[in-house]
Amino acid sequence: MYFTSSAKYATRYCGENGGCLITCYIALLNPFPVVSPDAPPSLSPTQFRFYGKGNYKNYQCHYVPVSPVRGIGVDTWDYRPPTTGTDDAIYDELAVFQETSILPQVVVRFK
């Protein structure tokens, strides 16, 4: 399951016809940081090191600081770890592999 700490980034997945935003508490135990070499600009997303894979070793989640790929535009869906370092990330993504680590709290419905 995928999460972000940014409501603005999450609403990109809601679509034009409403949707909802679910705020949750997540137990972040032992996150694995996914950084630029794991998702290089020269590769398509399907070739990333962790694309479609489960948790890495004994890590319980993956934490990915992301920014849009430069030169594509603000409407892109291509967000990756910045090559300039994690301090330049605008948003973040969290891939959680155990549903017992997630506690939903509030559902916000968009009209």
N, C-alpha and C. Protein backbone atom coordinates (compact mmCIF):
# COMPACT_ATOMS: atom_id res chain seq x y z
N MET A 1 0.83 -1.15 0.00
CA MET A 1 0.00 0.00 0.00
C MET A 1 0.89 1.23 0.00
N TYR A 2 0.44 2.24 -0.72
CA TYR A 2 1.25 3.45 -0.88
C TYR A 2 0.64 4.62 -0.12
N PHE A 3 1.51 5.41 0.49
CA PHE A 3 1.10 6.56 1.28
C PHE A 3 2.03 7.74 0.99
N THR A 4 1.61 8.92 1.43
CA THR A 4 2.44 10.12 1.36
C THR A 4 2.09 11.00 2.55
N SER A 5 3.01 11.86 2.92
CA SER A 5 2.72 12.81 4.00
C SER A 5 2.08 14.08 3.46
N SER A 6 1.91 14.17 2.14
CA SER A 6 1.38 15.37 1.50
C SER A 6 -0.02 15.13 0.94
N ALA A 7 -1.00 15.85 1.47
CA ALA A 7 -2.36 15.75 0.95
C ALA A 7 -2.41 16.23 -0.50
N LYS A 8 -1.64 17.25 -0.83
CA LYS A 8 -1.62 17.77 -2.20
C LYS A 8 -1.14 16.70 -3.18
N TYR A 9 -0.09 16.01 -2.83
CA TYR A 9 0.44 14.94 -3.70
C TYR A 9 -0.57 13.79 -3.80
N ALA A 10 -1.22 13.45 -2.70
CA ALA A 10 -2.19 12.35 -2.70
C ALA A 10 -3.40 12.65 -3.56
N THR A 11 -3.83 13.90 -3.63
CA THR A 11 -5.02 14.23 -4.41
C THR A 11 -4.81 14.05 -5.91
N ARG A 12 -3.56 13.93 -6.36
CA ARG A 12 -3.30 13.65 -7.78
C ARG A 12 -3.93 12.31 -8.19
N TYR A 13 -4.12 11.42 -7.24
CA TYR A 13 -4.66 10.10 -7.52
C TYR A 13 -6.18 10.04 -7.39
N CYS A 14 -6.81 11.15 -7.04
CA CYS A 14 -8.27 11.18 -6.85
C CYS A 14 -9.04 11.29 -8.15
N GLY A 15 -8.44 11.83 -9.18
CA GLY A 15 -9.15 12.00 -10.44
C GLY A 15 -10.01 13.25 -10.44
N GLU A 16 -10.70 13.44 -11.55
CA GLU A 16 -11.52 14.64 -11.75
C GLU A 16 -12.90 14.54 -11.10
N ASN A 17 -13.39 13.33 -10.87
CA ASN A 17 -14.77 13.13 -10.42
C ASN A 17 -14.86 12.75 -8.95
N GLY A 18 -14.19 13.50 -8.11
CA GLY A 18 -14.29 13.23 -6.69
C GLY A 18 -13.18 12.33 -6.21
N GLY A 19 -13.52 11.42 -5.35
CA GLY A 19 -12.53 10.55 -4.73
C GLY A 19 -12.50 10.82 -3.25
N CYS A 20 -11.54 10.24 -2.58
CA CYS A 20 -11.42 10.48 -1.15
C CYS A 20 -9.96 10.44 -0.73
N LEU A 21 -9.72 11.00 0.40
CA LEU A 21 -8.40 11.02 1.01
C LEU A 21 -8.54 10.37 2.38
N ILE A 22 -7.75 9.36 2.65
CA ILE A 22 -7.82 8.66 3.92
C ILE A 22 -6.56 8.98 4.71
N THR A 23 -6.73 9.61 5.86
CA THR A 23 -5.57 9.88 6.71
C THR A 23 -5.38 8.69 7.66
N CYS A 24 -4.14 8.32 7.85
CA CYS A 24 -3.83 7.12 8.64
C CYS A 24 -2.66 7.37 9.57
N TYR A 25 -2.64 6.60 10.63
CA TYR A 25 -1.43 6.47 11.43
C TYR A 25 -0.69 5.27 10.86
N ILE A 26 0.64 5.39 10.73
CA ILE A 26 1.44 4.29 10.20
C ILE A 26 2.60 4.05 11.14
N ALA A 27 2.80 2.81 11.54
CA ALA A 27 3.95 2.45 12.36
C ALA A 27 5.16 2.32 11.44
N LEU A 28 6.06 3.30 11.52
CA LEU A 28 7.26 3.31 10.67
C LEU A 28 8.41 2.64 11.42
N LEU A 29 8.49 1.37 11.27
CA LEU A 29 9.56 0.62 11.91
C LEU A 29 10.55 0.19 10.84
N ASN A 30 11.76 0.67 10.93
CA ASN A 30 12.83 0.23 10.04
C ASN A 30 12.55 0.51 8.56
N PRO A 31 12.36 1.77 8.16
CA PRO A 31 12.12 2.07 6.74
C PRO A 31 13.41 1.99 5.91
N PHE A 32 13.29 1.51 4.69
CA PHE A 32 14.43 1.46 3.77
C PHE A 32 14.36 2.68 2.86
N PRO A 33 15.40 3.52 2.81
CA PRO A 33 15.37 4.70 1.95
C PRO A 33 15.67 4.35 0.49
N VAL A 34 14.76 4.69 -0.39
CA VAL A 34 14.98 4.52 -1.83
C VAL A 34 15.50 5.85 -2.35
N VAL A 35 16.68 5.84 -2.96
CA VAL A 35 17.34 7.07 -3.39
C VAL A 35 17.57 7.05 -4.90
N SER A 36 18.14 8.13 -5.41
CA SER A 36 18.30 8.33 -6.85
C SER A 36 18.92 7.15 -7.61
N PRO A 37 19.99 6.52 -7.14
CA PRO A 37 20.54 5.39 -7.90
C PRO A 37 19.56 4.21 -8.05
N ASP A 38 18.54 4.15 -7.20
CA ASP A 38 17.54 3.09 -7.31
C ASP A 38 16.51 3.38 -8.39
N ALA A 39 16.42 4.63 -8.84
CA ALA A 39 15.45 5.06 -9.86
C ALA A 39 16.10 6.10 -10.77
N PRO A 40 17.13 5.71 -11.53
CA PRO A 40 17.88 6.69 -12.33
C PRO A 40 17.06 7.30 -13.46
N PRO A 41 17.37 8.54 -13.84
CA PRO A 41 16.63 9.22 -14.91
C PRO A 41 16.70 8.51 -16.26
N SER A 42 17.72 7.70 -16.46
CA SER A 42 17.91 7.03 -17.75
C SER A 42 17.01 5.82 -17.95
N LEU A 43 16.32 5.36 -16.91
CA LEU A 43 15.48 4.16 -17.00
C LEU A 43 14.00 4.49 -16.93
N SER A 44 13.19 3.64 -17.53
CA SER A 44 11.74 3.78 -17.38
C SER A 44 11.37 3.27 -15.99
N PRO A 45 10.25 3.73 -15.44
CA PRO A 45 9.86 3.29 -14.09
C PRO A 45 9.77 1.77 -13.93
N THR A 46 9.40 1.06 -14.98
CA THR A 46 9.28 -0.40 -14.87
C THR A 46 10.63 -1.09 -14.70
N GLN A 47 11.72 -0.35 -14.90
CA GLN A 47 13.06 -0.92 -14.75
C GLN A 47 13.73 -0.51 -13.44
N PHE A 48 13.02 0.19 -12.58
CA PHE A 48 13.59 0.60 -11.30
C PHE A 48 13.93 -0.62 -10.46
N ARG A 49 14.86 -0.45 -9.57
CA ARG A 49 15.34 -1.55 -8.73
C ARG A 49 14.23 -2.20 -7.91
N PHE A 50 13.29 -1.41 -7.41
CA PHE A 50 12.25 -1.96 -6.54
C PHE A 50 10.87 -2.01 -7.19
N TYR A 51 10.77 -1.75 -8.48
CA TYR A 51 9.47 -1.73 -9.15
C TYR A 51 8.81 -3.11 -9.05
N GLY A 52 7.61 -3.14 -8.51
CA GLY A 52 6.84 -4.37 -8.41
C GLY A 52 7.38 -5.40 -7.44
N LYS A 53 8.29 -4.99 -6.59
CA LYS A 53 8.90 -5.92 -5.65
C LYS A 53 8.37 -5.67 -4.24
N GLY A 54 8.53 -6.65 -3.40
CA GLY A 54 8.13 -6.53 -2.00
C GLY A 54 9.19 -5.82 -1.19
N ASN A 55 9.08 -5.98 0.11
CA ASN A 55 10.03 -5.29 0.98
C ASN A 55 11.44 -5.82 0.79
N TYR A 56 12.40 -4.94 0.99
CA TYR A 56 13.81 -5.26 0.83
C TYR A 56 14.36 -5.81 2.14
N LYS A 57 14.93 -7.00 2.07
CA LYS A 57 15.51 -7.69 3.23
C LYS A 57 14.54 -7.67 4.41
N ASN A 58 14.99 -7.18 5.56
CA ASN A 58 14.13 -7.17 6.76
C ASN A 58 13.48 -5.82 7.01
N TYR A 59 13.51 -4.93 6.01
CA TYR A 59 12.89 -3.62 6.16
C TYR A 59 11.37 -3.76 6.06
N GLN A 60 10.64 -2.98 6.83
CA GLN A 60 9.19 -3.12 6.88
C GLN A 60 8.45 -2.17 5.94
N CYS A 61 9.17 -1.20 5.38
CA CYS A 61 8.58 -0.28 4.42
C CYS A 61 9.69 0.37 3.61
N HIS A 62 9.31 1.01 2.52
CA HIS A 62 10.26 1.77 1.70
C HIS A 62 9.85 3.24 1.77
N TYR A 63 10.81 4.11 2.04
CA TYR A 63 10.57 5.55 2.07
C TYR A 63 11.26 6.16 0.86
N VAL A 64 10.49 6.92 0.05
CA VAL A 64 11.02 7.48 -1.19
C VAL A 64 10.75 8.99 -1.23
N PRO A 65 11.77 9.83 -1.08
CA PRO A 65 11.59 11.27 -1.30
C PRO A 65 11.54 11.51 -2.81
N VAL A 66 10.54 12.25 -3.30
CA VAL A 66 10.36 12.40 -4.75
C VAL A 66 10.13 13.84 -5.18
N SER A 67 10.45 14.08 -6.45
CA SER A 67 10.18 15.34 -7.15
C SER A 67 9.86 14.99 -8.59
N PRO A 68 9.14 15.87 -9.31
CA PRO A 68 8.88 15.57 -10.72
C PRO A 68 10.18 15.58 -11.51
N VAL A 69 10.25 14.75 -12.53
CA VAL A 69 11.43 14.71 -13.39
C VAL A 69 11.53 16.03 -14.12
N ARG A 70 12.69 16.63 -14.12
CA ARG A 70 12.89 17.94 -14.75
C ARG A 70 12.69 17.85 -16.25
N GLY A 71 12.11 18.92 -16.81
CA GLY A 71 11.94 19.01 -18.25
C GLY A 71 10.66 18.39 -18.77
N ILE A 72 9.91 17.71 -17.91
CA ILE A 72 8.68 17.06 -18.37
C ILE A 72 7.47 17.95 -18.15
N GLY A 73 7.45 18.72 -17.09
CA GLY A 73 6.32 19.60 -16.79
C GLY A 73 5.65 19.23 -15.49
N VAL A 74 4.83 20.14 -15.00
CA VAL A 74 4.20 19.95 -13.68
C VAL A 74 3.11 18.89 -13.69
N ASP A 75 2.56 18.56 -14.85
CA ASP A 75 1.48 17.57 -14.92
C ASP A 75 1.99 16.15 -15.08
N THR A 76 3.27 15.95 -14.97
CA THR A 76 3.84 14.61 -15.14
C THR A 76 3.44 13.68 -14.01
N TRP A 77 3.41 12.40 -14.31
CA TRP A 77 3.23 11.37 -13.29
C TRP A 77 4.57 10.75 -12.93
N ASP A 78 5.64 11.24 -13.55
CA ASP A 78 6.98 10.67 -13.34
C ASP A 78 7.69 11.41 -12.21
N TYR A 79 7.56 10.90 -11.02
CA TYR A 79 8.21 11.44 -9.83
C TYR A 79 9.27 10.45 -9.39
N ARG A 80 10.46 10.96 -9.09
CA ARG A 80 11.58 10.11 -8.70
C ARG A 80 12.40 10.80 -7.62
N PRO A 81 13.27 10.04 -6.95
CA PRO A 81 14.18 10.70 -6.01
C PRO A 81 15.08 11.67 -6.77
N PRO A 82 15.24 12.89 -6.30
CA PRO A 82 16.07 13.88 -7.00
C PRO A 82 17.53 13.44 -7.07
N THR A 83 18.15 13.66 -8.22
CA THR A 83 19.56 13.32 -8.38
C THR A 83 20.45 14.26 -7.56
N THR A 84 19.90 15.41 -7.17
CA THR A 84 20.67 16.39 -6.39
C THR A 84 20.63 16.12 -4.90
N GLY A 85 19.89 15.11 -4.49
CA GLY A 85 19.82 14.74 -3.07
C GLY A 85 18.42 14.85 -2.50
N THR A 86 18.21 14.19 -1.39
CA THR A 86 16.88 14.12 -0.80
C THR A 86 16.38 15.46 -0.27
N ASP A 87 17.27 16.40 0.00
CA ASP A 87 16.84 17.72 0.47
C ASP A 87 16.04 18.47 -0.59
N ASP A 88 16.20 18.08 -1.85
CA ASP A 88 15.49 18.74 -2.95
C ASP A 88 14.17 18.05 -3.30
N ALA A 89 13.78 17.06 -2.54
CA ALA A 89 12.50 16.37 -2.79
C ALA A 89 11.34 17.27 -2.36
N ILE A 90 10.30 17.28 -3.17
CA ILE A 90 9.12 18.09 -2.87
C ILE A 90 8.12 17.28 -2.06
N TYR A 91 7.97 16.00 -2.40
CA TYR A 91 7.01 15.12 -1.74
C TYR A 91 7.72 13.85 -1.28
N ASP A 92 6.95 12.95 -0.72
CA ASP A 92 7.50 11.65 -0.36
C ASP A 92 6.45 10.57 -0.61
N GLU A 93 6.93 9.36 -0.74
CA GLU A 93 6.07 8.19 -0.89
C GLU A 93 6.53 7.16 0.13
N LEU A 94 5.59 6.41 0.61
CA LEU A 94 5.88 5.37 1.58
C LEU A 94 5.17 4.10 1.12
N ALA A 95 5.93 3.05 0.88
CA ALA A 95 5.35 1.76 0.52
C ALA A 95 5.37 0.90 1.78
N VAL A 96 4.18 0.54 2.25
CA VAL A 96 4.04 -0.25 3.47
C VAL A 96 3.59 -1.65 3.08
N PHE A 97 4.24 -2.66 3.63
CA PHE A 97 3.99 -4.03 3.21
C PHE A 97 3.15 -4.85 4.19
N GLN A 98 2.97 -4.36 5.40
CA GLN A 98 2.15 -5.05 6.40
C GLN A 98 0.94 -4.20 6.75
N GLU A 99 -0.24 -4.69 6.44
CA GLU A 99 -1.44 -3.90 6.73
C GLU A 99 -1.64 -3.69 8.23
N THR A 100 -1.04 -4.52 9.04
CA THR A 100 -1.17 -4.33 10.49
C THR A 100 -0.40 -3.09 10.97
N SER A 101 0.42 -2.50 10.10
CA SER A 101 1.16 -1.28 10.45
C SER A 101 0.34 -0.02 10.18
N ILE A 102 -0.88 -0.18 9.66
CA ILE A 102 -1.70 0.96 9.21
C ILE A 102 -2.97 1.05 10.05
N LEU A 103 -3.26 2.25 10.53
CA LEU A 103 -4.50 2.49 11.28
C LEU A 103 -5.22 3.69 10.66
N PRO A 104 -6.25 3.44 9.82
CA PRO A 104 -7.01 4.55 9.22
C PRO A 104 -7.70 5.38 10.30
N GLN A 105 -7.76 6.71 10.07
CA GLN A 105 -8.35 7.60 11.06
C GLN A 105 -9.51 8.43 10.52
N VAL A 106 -9.31 9.09 9.38
CA VAL A 106 -10.31 10.01 8.85
C VAL A 106 -10.42 9.82 7.35
N VAL A 107 -11.66 9.85 6.85
CA VAL A 107 -11.90 9.80 5.41
C VAL A 107 -12.47 11.16 4.98
N VAL A 108 -11.81 11.79 4.01
CA VAL A 108 -12.26 13.07 3.46
C VAL A 108 -12.74 12.79 2.04
N ARG A 109 -14.03 13.05 1.77
CA ARG A 109 -14.59 12.81 0.43
C ARG A 109 -14.61 14.11 -0.36
N PHE A 110 -14.17 14.01 -1.62
CA PHE A 110 -14.17 15.17 -2.51
C PHE A 110 -15.37 15.10 -3.44
N LYS A 111 -15.97 16.26 -3.73
CA LYS A 111 -17.10 16.31 -4.66
C LYS A 111 -16.72 17.07 -5.89
